[in-house]
């Protein structure tokens, strides 16, 4: 089995958990799969999407807020890796979407 096949197999395992709403069970595998090693940013866009969707699935304000904060951090890191101003501006759309979710969540308190 080649490396790409192994990676796809492992990634599909945690993705299957996510598709059934089992984010807590999928988190450790997702973090391991998206870690690119010391000195490199992880796959922030994958992590950000994971945490944003997990936050969307939660009903508790504190729980959702923690996931949205993790999503915001990862979206910001993703935007900071841009190679041009236009690309960075485009990537900030994701950051602003999550910030709005956090603001709406906190407004309900």
PDB file of N, CA and C in Angstrom:
ATOM      1  N   UNK A   1       0.854  -1.175   0.000  1.00  0.00           N
ATOM      2  CA  UNK A   1       0.000   0.000   0.000  1.00  0.00           C
ATOM      3  C   UNK A   1       0.897   1.233   0.000  1.00  0.00           C
ATOM      4  N   UNK A   2       0.696   2.144  -0.931  1.00  0.00           N
ATOM      5  CA  UNK A   2       1.506   3.347  -1.039  1.00  0.00           C
ATOM      6  C   UNK A   2       1.154   4.368   0.028  1.00  0.00           C
ATOM      7  N   UNK A   3       2.027   5.357   0.182  1.00  0.00           N
ATOM      8  CA  UNK A   3       1.821   6.398   1.191  1.00  0.00           C
ATOM      9  C   UNK A   3       0.524   7.153   0.931  1.00  0.00           C
ATOM     10  N   UNK A   4       0.274   7.502  -0.308  1.00  0.00           N
ATOM     11  CA  UNK A   4      -0.954   8.247  -0.629  1.00  0.00           C
ATOM     12  C   UNK A   4      -2.193   7.422  -0.281  1.00  0.00           C
ATOM     13  N   UNK A   5      -2.133   6.134  -0.554  1.00  0.00           N
ATOM     14  CA  UNK A   5      -3.267   5.261  -0.231  1.00  0.00           C
ATOM     15  C   UNK A   5      -3.456   5.178   1.276  1.00  0.00           C
ATOM     16  N   UNK A   6      -2.357   5.060   2.025  1.00  0.00           N
ATOM     17  CA  UNK A   6      -2.448   5.006   3.477  1.00  0.00           C
ATOM     18  C   UNK A   6      -3.021   6.301   4.033  1.00  0.00           C
ATOM     19  N   UNK A   7      -2.535   7.443   3.521  1.00  0.00           N
ATOM     20  CA  UNK A   7      -3.030   8.729   3.995  1.00  0.00           C
ATOM     21  C   UNK A   7      -4.515   8.874   3.711  1.00  0.00           C
ATOM     22  N   UNK A   8      -4.930   8.482   2.534  1.00  0.00           N
ATOM     23  CA  UNK A   8      -6.347   8.557   2.183  1.00  0.00           C
ATOM     24  C   UNK A   8      -7.175   7.659   3.086  1.00  0.00           C
ATOM     25  N   UNK A   9      -6.648   6.470   3.379  1.00  0.00           N
ATOM     26  CA  UNK A   9      -7.368   5.540   4.248  1.00  0.00           C
ATOM     27  C   UNK A   9      -7.543   6.126   5.640  1.00  0.00           C
ATOM     28  N   UNK A  10      -6.452   6.678   6.220  1.00  0.00           N
ATOM     29  CA  UNK A  10      -6.538   7.238   7.565  1.00  0.00           C
ATOM     30  C   UNK A  10      -7.427   8.475   7.587  1.00  0.00           C
ATOM     31  N   UNK A  11      -7.265   9.348   6.602  1.00  0.00           N
ATOM     32  CA  UNK A  11      -8.069  10.552   6.568  1.00  0.00           C
ATOM     33  C   UNK A  11      -9.536  10.193   6.407  1.00  0.00           C
ATOM     34  N   UNK A  12      -9.820   9.182   5.628  1.00  0.00           N
ATOM     35  CA  UNK A  12     -11.215   8.815   5.444  1.00  0.00           C
ATOM     36  C   UNK A  12     -11.821   8.274   6.728  1.00  0.00           C
ATOM     37  N   UNK A  13     -10.998   7.700   7.602  1.00  0.00           N
ATOM     38  CA  UNK A  13     -11.526   7.191   8.872  1.00  0.00           C
ATOM     39  C   UNK A  13     -12.058   8.334   9.737  1.00  0.00           C
ATOM     40  N   UNK A  14     -11.279   9.406   9.901  1.00  0.00           N
ATOM     41  CA  UNK A  14     -11.782  10.501  10.729  1.00  0.00           C
ATOM     42  C   UNK A  14     -12.859  11.296  10.002  1.00  0.00           C
ATOM     43  N   UNK A  15     -12.776  11.356   8.685  1.00  0.00           N
ATOM     44  CA  UNK A  15     -13.836  12.038   7.935  1.00  0.00           C
ATOM     45  C   UNK A  15     -15.171  11.308   8.073  1.00  0.00           C
ATOM     46  N   UNK A  16     -15.123   9.991   8.114  1.00  0.00           N
ATOM     47  CA  UNK A  16     -16.353   9.224   8.318  1.00  0.00           C
ATOM     48  C   UNK A  16     -16.956   9.539   9.687  1.00  0.00           C
ATOM     49  N   UNK A  17     -16.114   9.687  10.697  1.00  0.00           N
ATOM     50  CA  UNK A  17     -16.607  10.058  12.021  1.00  0.00           C
ATOM     51  C   UNK A  17     -17.260  11.436  11.990  1.00  0.00           C
ATOM     52  N   UNK A  18     -16.636  12.376  11.292  1.00  0.00           N
ATOM     53  CA  UNK A  18     -17.191  13.726  11.177  1.00  0.00           C
ATOM     54  C   UNK A  18     -18.540  13.692  10.478  1.00  0.00           C
ATOM     55  N   UNK A  19     -18.655  12.901   9.439  1.00  0.00           N
ATOM     56  CA  UNK A  19     -19.911  12.832   8.694  1.00  0.00           C
ATOM     57  C   UNK A  19     -21.062  12.313   9.542  1.00  0.00           C
ATOM     58  N   UNK A  20     -20.737  11.596  10.598  1.00  0.00           N
ATOM     59  CA  UNK A  20     -21.782  11.110  11.502  1.00  0.00           C
ATOM     60  C   UNK A  20     -21.876  11.955  12.768  1.00  0.00           C
ATOM     61  N   UNK A  21     -21.185  13.122  12.763  1.00  0.00           N
ATOM     62  CA  UNK A  21     -21.274  14.044  13.891  1.00  0.00           C
ATOM     63  C   UNK A  21     -20.421  13.684  15.088  1.00  0.00           C
ATOM     64  N   UNK A  22     -19.474  12.774  14.935  1.00  0.00           N
ATOM     65  CA  UNK A  22     -18.636  12.327  16.052  1.00  0.00           C
ATOM     66  C   UNK A  22     -17.305  13.094  16.051  1.00  0.00           C
ATOM     67  N   UNK A  23     -17.412  14.399  16.238  1.00  0.00           N
ATOM     68  CA  UNK A  23     -16.236  15.271  16.181  1.00  0.00           C
ATOM     69  C   UNK A  23     -15.236  14.957  17.281  1.00  0.00           C
ATOM     70  N   UNK A  24     -15.715  14.740  18.488  1.00  0.00           N
ATOM     71  CA  UNK A  24     -14.800  14.462  19.603  1.00  0.00           C
ATOM     72  C   UNK A  24     -13.968  13.214  19.333  1.00  0.00           C
ATOM     73  N   UNK A  25     -14.597  12.202  18.761  1.00  0.00           N
ATOM     74  CA  UNK A  25     -13.883  10.962  18.448  1.00  0.00           C
ATOM     75  C   UNK A  25     -12.903  11.157  17.288  1.00  0.00           C
ATOM     76  N   UNK A  26     -13.211  12.081  16.400  1.00  0.00           N
ATOM     77  CA  UNK A  26     -12.382  12.311  15.208  1.00  0.00           C
ATOM     78  C   UNK A  26     -11.224  13.270  15.460  1.00  0.00           C
ATOM     79  N   UNK A  27     -11.311  14.066  16.522  1.00  0.00           N
ATOM     80  CA  UNK A  27     -10.347  15.157  16.720  1.00  0.00           C
ATOM     81  C   UNK A  27      -8.893  14.699  16.774  1.00  0.00           C
ATOM     82  N   UNK A  28      -8.577  13.707  17.555  1.00  0.00           N
ATOM     83  CA  UNK A  28      -7.178  13.272  17.685  1.00  0.00           C
ATOM     84  C   UNK A  28      -6.614  12.802  16.351  1.00  0.00           C
ATOM     85  N   UNK A  29      -7.399  12.038  15.608  1.00  0.00           N
ATOM     86  CA  UNK A  29      -6.948  11.566  14.291  1.00  0.00           C
ATOM     87  C   UNK A  29      -6.775  12.727  13.321  1.00  0.00           C
ATOM     88  N   UNK A  30      -7.697  13.675  13.364  1.00  0.00           N
ATOM     89  CA  UNK A  30      -7.611  14.837  12.483  1.00  0.00           C
ATOM     90  C   UNK A  30      -6.353  15.636  12.791  1.00  0.00           C
ATOM     91  N   UNK A  31      -6.082  15.863  14.074  1.00  0.00           N
ATOM     92  CA  UNK A  31      -4.894  16.631  14.457  1.00  0.00           C
ATOM     93  C   UNK A  31      -3.613  15.930  14.006  1.00  0.00           C
ATOM     94  N   UNK A  32      -3.582  14.620  14.167  1.00  0.00           N
ATOM     95  CA  UNK A  32      -2.402  13.857  13.742  1.00  0.00           C
ATOM     96  C   UNK A  32      -2.223  13.919  12.228  1.00  0.00           C
ATOM     97  N   UNK A  33      -3.315  13.793  11.494  1.00  0.00           N
ATOM     98  CA  UNK A  33      -3.246  13.792  10.031  1.00  0.00           C
ATOM     99  C   UNK A  33      -2.871  15.158   9.461  1.00  0.00           C
ATOM    100  N   UNK A  34      -3.198  16.225  10.180  1.00  0.00           N
ATOM    101  CA  UNK A  34      -2.951  17.562   9.653  1.00  0.00           C
ATOM    102  C   UNK A  34      -1.671  18.189  10.195  1.00  0.00           C
ATOM    103  N   UNK A  35      -0.933  17.455  11.013  1.00  0.00           N
ATOM    104  CA  UNK A  35       0.343  17.942  11.547  1.00  0.00           C
ATOM    105  C   UNK A  35       1.433  17.692  10.512  1.00  0.00           C
ATOM    106  N   UNK A  36       2.117  18.752  10.116  1.00  0.00           N
ATOM    107  CA  UNK A  36       3.160  18.608   9.099  1.00  0.00           C
ATOM    108  C   UNK A  36       4.561  18.627   9.699  1.00  0.00           C
ATOM    109  N   UNK A  37       4.669  18.577  11.004  1.00  0.00           N
ATOM    110  CA  UNK A  37       5.972  18.508  11.641  1.00  0.00           C
ATOM    111  C   UNK A  37       6.480  19.858  12.119  1.00  0.00           C
ATOM    112  N   UNK A  38       7.513  19.792  12.921  1.00  0.00           N
ATOM    113  CA  UNK A  38       8.093  20.989  13.515  1.00  0.00           C
ATOM    114  C   UNK A  38       8.607  21.947  12.443  1.00  0.00           C
ATOM    115  N   UNK A  39       8.302  23.224  12.635  1.00  0.00           N
ATOM    116  CA  UNK A  39       8.751  24.235  11.698  1.00  0.00           C
ATOM    117  C   UNK A  39       7.791  24.515  10.559  1.00  0.00           C
ATOM    118  N   UNK A  40       6.719  23.761  10.486  1.00  0.00           N
ATOM    119  CA  UNK A  40       5.729  23.947   9.424  1.00  0.00           C
ATOM    120  C   UNK A  40       4.362  24.192  10.048  1.00  0.00           C
ATOM    121  N   UNK A  41       3.590  25.067   9.396  1.00  0.00           N
ATOM    122  CA  UNK A  41       2.205  25.215   9.823  1.00  0.00           C
ATOM    123  C   UNK A  41       1.485  23.895   9.551  1.00  0.00           C
ATOM    124  N   UNK A  42       0.535  23.533  10.405  1.00  0.00           N
ATOM    125  CA  UNK A  42      -0.284  22.354  10.079  1.00  0.00           C
ATOM    126  C   UNK A  42      -1.189  22.689   8.898  1.00  0.00           C
ATOM    127  N   UNK A  43      -1.983  21.754   8.496  1.00  0.00           N
ATOM    128  CA  UNK A  43      -2.958  22.004   7.432  1.00  0.00           C
ATOM    129  C   UNK A  43      -4.109  22.805   8.046  1.00  0.00           C
ATOM    130  N   UNK A  44      -3.853  24.102   8.202  1.00  0.00           N
ATOM    131  CA  UNK A  44      -4.788  24.978   8.916  1.00  0.00           C
ATOM    132  C   UNK A  44      -6.170  25.023   8.307  1.00  0.00           C
ATOM    133  N   UNK A  45      -6.254  24.967   6.973  1.00  0.00           N
ATOM    134  CA  UNK A  45      -7.579  25.063   6.357  1.00  0.00           C
ATOM    135  C   UNK A  45      -8.444  23.864   6.716  1.00  0.00           C
ATOM    136  N   UNK A  46      -7.831  22.697   6.883  1.00  0.00           N
ATOM    137  CA  UNK A  46      -8.578  21.503   7.278  1.00  0.00           C
ATOM    138  C   UNK A  46      -9.001  21.627   8.733  1.00  0.00           C
ATOM    139  N   UNK A  47      -8.057  22.024   9.583  1.00  0.00           N
ATOM    140  CA  UNK A  47      -8.369  22.185  11.007  1.00  0.00           C
ATOM    141  C   UNK A  47      -9.441  23.251  11.221  1.00  0.00           C
ATOM    142  N   UNK A  48      -9.312  24.366  10.527  1.00  0.00           N
ATOM    143  CA  UNK A  48     -10.284  25.447  10.688  1.00  0.00           C
ATOM    144  C   UNK A  48     -11.685  24.993  10.293  1.00  0.00           C
ATOM    145  N   UNK A  49     -11.786  24.329   9.177  1.00  0.00           N
ATOM    146  CA  UNK A  49     -13.082  23.840   8.717  1.00  0.00           C
ATOM    147  C   UNK A  49     -13.669  22.842   9.711  1.00  0.00           C
ATOM    148  N   UNK A  50     -12.825  21.952  10.215  1.00  0.00           N
ATOM    149  CA  UNK A  50     -13.253  20.952  11.202  1.00  0.00           C
ATOM    150  C   UNK A  50     -13.860  21.640  12.426  1.00  0.00           C
ATOM    151  N   UNK A  51     -13.113  22.598  13.000  1.00  0.00           N
ATOM    152  CA  UNK A  51     -13.594  23.254  14.221  1.00  0.00           C
ATOM    153  C   UNK A  51     -14.801  24.149  13.971  1.00  0.00           C
ATOM    154  N   UNK A  52     -14.850  24.788  12.820  1.00  0.00           N
ATOM    155  CA  UNK A  52     -16.022  25.615  12.514  1.00  0.00           C
ATOM    156  C   UNK A  52     -17.273  24.749  12.392  1.00  0.00           C
ATOM    157  N   UNK A  53     -17.159  23.641  11.695  1.00  0.00           N
ATOM    158  CA  UNK A  53     -18.321  22.754  11.547  1.00  0.00           C
ATOM    159  C   UNK A  53     -18.718  22.136  12.884  1.00  0.00           C
ATOM    160  N   UNK A  54     -17.734  21.827  13.717  1.00  0.00           N
ATOM    161  CA  UNK A  54     -18.030  21.290  15.054  1.00  0.00           C
ATOM    162  C   UNK A  54     -18.769  22.345  15.863  1.00  0.00           C
ATOM    163  N   UNK A  55     -18.315  23.584  15.802  1.00  0.00           N
ATOM    164  CA  UNK A  55     -19.002  24.665  16.499  1.00  0.00           C
ATOM    165  C   UNK A  55     -20.433  24.824  16.012  1.00  0.00           C
ATOM    166  N   UNK A  56     -20.622  24.697  14.705  1.00  0.00           N
ATOM    167  CA  UNK A  56     -21.979  24.795  14.139  1.00  0.00           C
ATOM    168  C   UNK A  56     -22.896  23.700  14.679  1.00  0.00           C
ATOM    169  N   UNK A  57     -22.311  22.547  14.999  1.00  0.00           N
ATOM    170  CA  UNK A  57     -23.107  21.401  15.443  1.00  0.00           C
ATOM    171  C   UNK A  57     -23.444  21.449  16.936  1.00  0.00           C
ATOM    172  N   UNK A  58     -22.791  22.324  17.677  1.00  0.00           N
ATOM    173  CA  UNK A  58     -22.999  22.378  19.123  1.00  0.00           C
ATOM    174  C   UNK A  58     -24.083  23.373  19.498  1.00  0.00           C
ATOM    175  N   UNK A  59     -24.791  23.074  20.575  1.00  0.00           N
ATOM    176  CA  UNK A  59     -25.832  23.988  21.023  1.00  0.00           C
ATOM    177  C   UNK A  59     -25.391  24.794  22.243  1.00  0.00           C
ATOM    178  N   UNK A  60     -24.439  24.295  23.007  1.00  0.00           N
ATOM    179  CA  UNK A  60     -23.960  25.018  24.181  1.00  0.00           C
ATOM    180  C   UNK A  60     -23.060  26.176  23.796  1.00  0.00           C
ATOM    181  N   UNK A  61     -23.313  27.352  24.363  1.00  0.00           N
ATOM    182  CA  UNK A  61     -22.567  28.553  24.005  1.00  0.00           C
ATOM    183  C   UNK A  61     -21.080  28.391  24.300  1.00  0.00           C
ATOM    184  N   UNK A  62     -20.733  27.911  25.478  1.00  0.00           N
ATOM    185  CA  UNK A  62     -19.319  27.773  25.853  1.00  0.00           C
ATOM    186  C   UNK A  62     -18.608  26.776  24.949  1.00  0.00           C
ATOM    187  N   UNK A  63     -19.254  25.659  24.679  1.00  0.00           N
ATOM    188  CA  UNK A  63     -18.646  24.642  23.818  1.00  0.00           C
ATOM    189  C   UNK A  63     -18.459  25.162  22.397  1.00  0.00           C
ATOM    190  N   UNK A  64     -19.494  25.779  21.845  1.00  0.00           N
ATOM    191  CA  UNK A  64     -19.416  26.302  20.482  1.00  0.00           C
ATOM    192  C   UNK A  64     -18.381  27.414  20.401  1.00  0.00           C
ATOM    193  N   UNK A  65     -18.327  28.256  21.401  1.00  0.00           N
ATOM    194  CA  UNK A  65     -17.368  29.357  21.419  1.00  0.00           C
ATOM    195  C   UNK A  65     -15.935  28.845  21.362  1.00  0.00           C
ATOM    196  N   UNK A  66     -15.636  27.809  22.112  1.00  0.00           N
ATOM    197  CA  UNK A  66     -14.281  27.242  22.113  1.00  0.00           C
ATOM    198  C   UNK A  66     -13.914  26.694  20.733  1.00  0.00           C
ATOM    199  N   UNK A  67     -14.849  26.052  20.073  1.00  0.00           N
ATOM    200  CA  UNK A  67     -14.571  25.499  18.738  1.00  0.00           C
ATOM    201  C   UNK A  67     -14.422  26.614  17.707  1.00  0.00           C
ATOM    202  N   UNK A  68     -15.273  27.653  17.816  1.00  0.00           N
ATOM    203  CA  UNK A  68     -15.154  28.774  16.892  1.00  0.00           C
ATOM    204  C   UNK A  68     -13.829  29.515  17.095  1.00  0.00           C
ATOM    205  N   UNK A  69     -13.368  29.615  18.343  1.00  0.00           N
ATOM    206  CA  UNK A  69     -12.083  30.264  18.593  1.00  0.00           C
ATOM    207  C   UNK A  69     -10.949  29.464  17.958  1.00  0.00           C
ATOM    208  N   UNK A  70     -11.020  28.141  18.045  1.00  0.00           N
ATOM    209  CA  UNK A  70     -10.015  27.294  17.388  1.00  0.00           C
ATOM    210  C   UNK A  70     -10.090  27.459  15.871  1.00  0.00           C
ATOM    211  N   UNK A  71     -11.298  27.562  15.345  1.00  0.00           N
ATOM    212  CA  UNK A  71     -11.471  27.768  13.902  1.00  0.00           C
ATOM    213  C   UNK A  71     -10.890  29.112  13.489  1.00  0.00           C
ATOM    214  N   UNK A  72     -11.192  30.155  14.257  1.00  0.00           N
ATOM    215  CA  UNK A  72     -10.678  31.487  13.925  1.00  0.00           C
ATOM    216  C   UNK A  72      -9.149  31.497  13.910  1.00  0.00           C
ATOM    217  N   UNK A  73      -8.532  30.909  14.918  1.00  0.00           N
ATOM    218  CA  UNK A  73      -7.070  30.851  14.967  1.00  0.00           C
ATOM    219  C   UNK A  73      -6.501  30.173  13.723  1.00  0.00           C
ATOM    220  N   UNK A  74      -7.078  29.042  13.356  1.00  0.00           N
ATOM    221  CA  UNK A  74      -6.573  28.308  12.192  1.00  0.00           C
ATOM    222  C   UNK A  74      -6.851  29.035  10.889  1.00  0.00           C
ATOM    223  N   UNK A  75      -8.021  29.690  10.771  1.00  0.00           N
ATOM    224  CA  UNK A  75      -8.273  30.468   9.558  1.00  0.00           C
ATOM    225  C   UNK A  75      -7.294  31.636   9.468  1.00  0.00           C
ATOM    226  N   UNK A  76      -6.969  32.276  10.607  1.00  0.00           N
ATOM    227  CA  UNK A  76      -6.005  33.389  10.600  1.00  0.00           C
ATOM    228  C   UNK A  76      -4.620  32.899  10.178  1.00  0.00           C
ATOM    229  N   UNK A  77      -4.212  31.744  10.695  1.00  0.00           N
ATOM    230  CA  UNK A  77      -2.912  31.203  10.303  1.00  0.00           C
ATOM    231  C   UNK A  77      -2.908  30.872   8.811  1.00  0.00           C
ATOM    232  N   UNK A  78      -3.992  30.342   8.305  1.00  0.00           N
ATOM    233  CA  UNK A  78      -4.123  30.029   6.885  1.00  0.00           C
ATOM    234  C   UNK A  78      -3.986  31.305   6.064  1.00  0.00           C
ATOM    235  N   UNK A  79      -4.648  32.374   6.497  1.00  0.00           N
ATOM    236  CA  UNK A  79      -4.567  33.647   5.778  1.00  0.00           C
ATOM    237  C   UNK A  79      -3.152  34.216   5.833  1.00  0.00           C
ATOM    238  N   UNK A  80      -2.469  34.014   6.950  1.00  0.00           N
ATOM    239  CA  UNK A  80      -1.119  34.585   7.092  1.00  0.00           C
ATOM    240  C   UNK A  80      -0.102  33.908   6.178  1.00  0.00           C
ATOM    241  N   UNK A  81      -0.433  32.745   5.658  1.00  0.00           N
ATOM    242  CA  UNK A  81       0.476  32.025   4.754  1.00  0.00           C
ATOM    243  C   UNK A  81       0.298  32.455   3.303  1.00  0.00           C
ATOM    244  N   UNK A  82      -0.531  33.439   3.071  1.00  0.00           N
ATOM    245  CA  UNK A  82      -0.780  33.913   1.709  1.00  0.00           C
ATOM    246  C   UNK A  82       0.491  34.490   1.107  1.00  0.00           C
ATOM    247  N   UNK A  83       0.575  34.381  -0.194  1.00  0.00           N
ATOM    248  CA  UNK A  83       1.758  34.883  -0.892  1.00  0.00           C
ATOM    249  C   UNK A  83       1.503  36.212  -1.599  1.00  0.00           C
ATOM    250  N   UNK A  84       0.289  36.729  -1.487  1.00  0.00           N
ATOM    251  CA  UNK A  84      -0.006  38.039  -2.062  1.00  0.00           C
ATOM    252  C   UNK A  84      -1.102  38.703  -1.242  1.00  0.00           C
ATOM    253  N   UNK A  85      -1.203  40.001  -1.386  1.00  0.00           N
ATOM    254  CA  UNK A  85      -2.227  40.742  -0.652  1.00  0.00           C
ATOM    255  C   UNK A  85      -3.637  40.325  -1.022  1.00  0.00           C
ATOM    256  N   UNK A  86      -3.854  40.104  -2.307  1.00  0.00           N
ATOM    257  CA  UNK A  86      -5.183  39.694  -2.753  1.00  0.00           C
ATOM    258  C   UNK A  86      -5.577  38.340  -2.191  1.00  0.00           C
ATOM    259  N   UNK A  87      -4.624  37.431  -2.174  1.00  0.00           N
ATOM    260  CA  UNK A  87      -4.894  36.102  -1.628  1.00  0.00           C
ATOM    261  C   UNK A  87      -5.204  36.195  -0.134  1.00  0.00           C
ATOM    262  N   UNK A  88      -4.422  36.997   0.579  1.00  0.00           N
ATOM    263  CA  UNK A  88      -4.658  37.166   2.013  1.00  0.00           C
ATOM    264  C   UNK A  88      -6.013  37.785   2.295  1.00  0.00           C
ATOM    265  N   UNK A  89      -6.375  38.776   1.499  1.00  0.00           N
ATOM    266  CA  UNK A  89      -7.683  39.413   1.653  1.00  0.00           C
ATOM    267  C   UNK A  89      -8.799  38.405   1.418  1.00  0.00           C
ATOM    268  N   UNK A  90      -8.651  37.597   0.399  1.00  0.00           N
ATOM    269  CA  UNK A  90      -9.669  36.578   0.105  1.00  0.00           C
ATOM    270  C   UNK A  90      -9.776  35.571   1.244  1.00  0.00           C
ATOM    271  N   UNK A  91      -8.654  35.180   1.797  1.00  0.00           N
ATOM    272  CA  UNK A  91      -8.682  34.198   2.884  1.00  0.00           C
ATOM    273  C   UNK A  91      -9.264  34.774   4.173  1.00  0.00           C
ATOM    274  N   UNK A  92      -9.223  36.087   4.327  1.00  0.00           N
ATOM    275  CA  UNK A  92      -9.792  36.714   5.519  1.00  0.00           C
ATOM    276  C   UNK A  92     -11.312  36.609   5.546  1.00  0.00           C
ATOM    277  N   UNK A  93     -11.928  36.290   4.427  1.00  0.00           N
ATOM    278  CA  UNK A  93     -13.384  36.094   4.393  1.00  0.00           C
ATOM    279  C   UNK A  93     -13.771  34.981   5.370  1.00  0.00           C
ATOM    280  N   UNK A  94     -12.971  33.929   5.416  1.00  0.00           N
ATOM    281  CA  UNK A  94     -13.241  32.819   6.339  1.00  0.00           C
ATOM    282  C   UNK A  94     -13.117  33.283   7.788  1.00  0.00           C
ATOM    283  N   UNK A  95     -12.093  34.085   8.065  1.00  0.00           N
ATOM    284  CA  UNK A  95     -11.897  34.622   9.417  1.00  0.00           C
ATOM    285  C   UNK A  95     -13.105  35.447   9.821  1.00  0.00           C
ATOM    286  N   UNK A  96     -13.517  36.351   8.955  1.00  0.00           N
ATOM    287  CA  UNK A  96     -14.635  37.237   9.278  1.00  0.00           C
ATOM    288  C   UNK A  96     -15.943  36.470   9.480  1.00  0.00           C
ATOM    289  N   UNK A  97     -16.143  35.390   8.732  1.00  0.00           N
ATOM    290  CA  UNK A  97     -17.346  34.569   8.902  1.00  0.00           C
ATOM    291  C   UNK A  97     -17.398  33.990  10.319  1.00  0.00           C
ATOM    292  N   UNK A  98     -16.259  33.475  10.784  1.00  0.00           N
ATOM    293  CA  UNK A  98     -16.215  32.869  12.119  1.00  0.00           C
ATOM    294  C   UNK A  98     -16.320  33.945  13.202  1.00  0.00           C
ATOM    295  N   UNK A  99     -15.702  35.087  12.982  1.00  0.00           N
ATOM    296  CA  UNK A  99     -15.813  36.194  13.946  1.00  0.00           C
ATOM    297  C   UNK A  99     -17.282  36.590  14.113  1.00  0.00           C
ATOM    298  N   UNK A 100     -18.019  36.642  13.010  1.00  0.00           N
ATOM    299  CA  UNK A 100     -19.446  36.975  13.083  1.00  0.00           C
ATOM    300  C   UNK A 100     -20.225  35.916  13.867  1.00  0.00           C
ATOM    301  N   UNK A 101     -19.860  34.662  13.700  1.00  0.00           N
ATOM    302  CA  UNK A 101     -20.511  33.588  14.461  1.00  0.00           C
ATOM    303  C   UNK A 101     -20.229  33.759  15.950  1.00  0.00           C
ATOM    304  N   UNK A 102     -18.985  34.109  16.295  1.00  0.00           N
ATOM    305  CA  UNK A 102     -18.638  34.339  17.700  1.00  0.00           C
ATOM    306  C   UNK A 102     -19.383  35.531  18.265  1.00  0.00           C
ATOM    307  N   UNK A 103     -19.469  36.596  17.501  1.00  0.00           N
ATOM    308  CA  UNK A 103     -20.191  37.772  17.952  1.00  0.00           C
ATOM    309  C   UNK A 103     -21.662  37.467  18.180  1.00  0.00           C
ATOM    310  N   UNK A 104     -22.280  36.728  17.269  1.00  0.00           N
ATOM    311  CA  UNK A 104     -23.688  36.362  17.420  1.00  0.00           C
ATOM    312  C   UNK A 104     -23.896  35.462  18.622  1.00  0.00           C
ATOM    313  N   UNK A 105     -22.968  34.564  18.825  1.00  0.00           N
ATOM    314  CA  UNK A 105     -23.049  33.645  19.968  1.00  0.00           C
ATOM    315  C   UNK A 105     -22.960  34.410  21.277  1.00  0.00           C
ATOM    316  N   UNK A 106     -22.030  35.354  21.350  1.00  0.00           N
ATOM    317  CA  UNK A 106     -21.827  36.127  22.564  1.00  0.00           C
ATOM    318  C   UNK A 106     -22.928  37.159  22.784  1.00  0.00           C
ATOM    319  N   UNK A 107     -23.593  37.588  21.724  1.00  0.00           N
ATOM    320  CA  UNK A 107     -24.695  38.536  21.847  1.00  0.00           C
ATOM    321  C   UNK A 107     -25.892  37.907  22.540  1.00  0.00           C
ATOM    322  N   UNK A 108     -25.999  36.585  22.440  1.00  0.00           N
ATOM    323  CA  UNK A 108     -27.113  35.866  23.063  1.00  0.00           C
ATOM    324  C   UNK A 108     -26.926  35.684  24.564  1.00  0.00           C
ATOM    325  N   UNK A 109     -25.775  36.014  25.079  1.00  0.00           N
ATOM    326  CA  UNK A 109     -25.514  35.826  26.522  1.00  0.00           C
ATOM    327  C   UNK A 109     -26.165  36.874  27.341  1.00  0.00           C
TER     328      UNK A 109
END
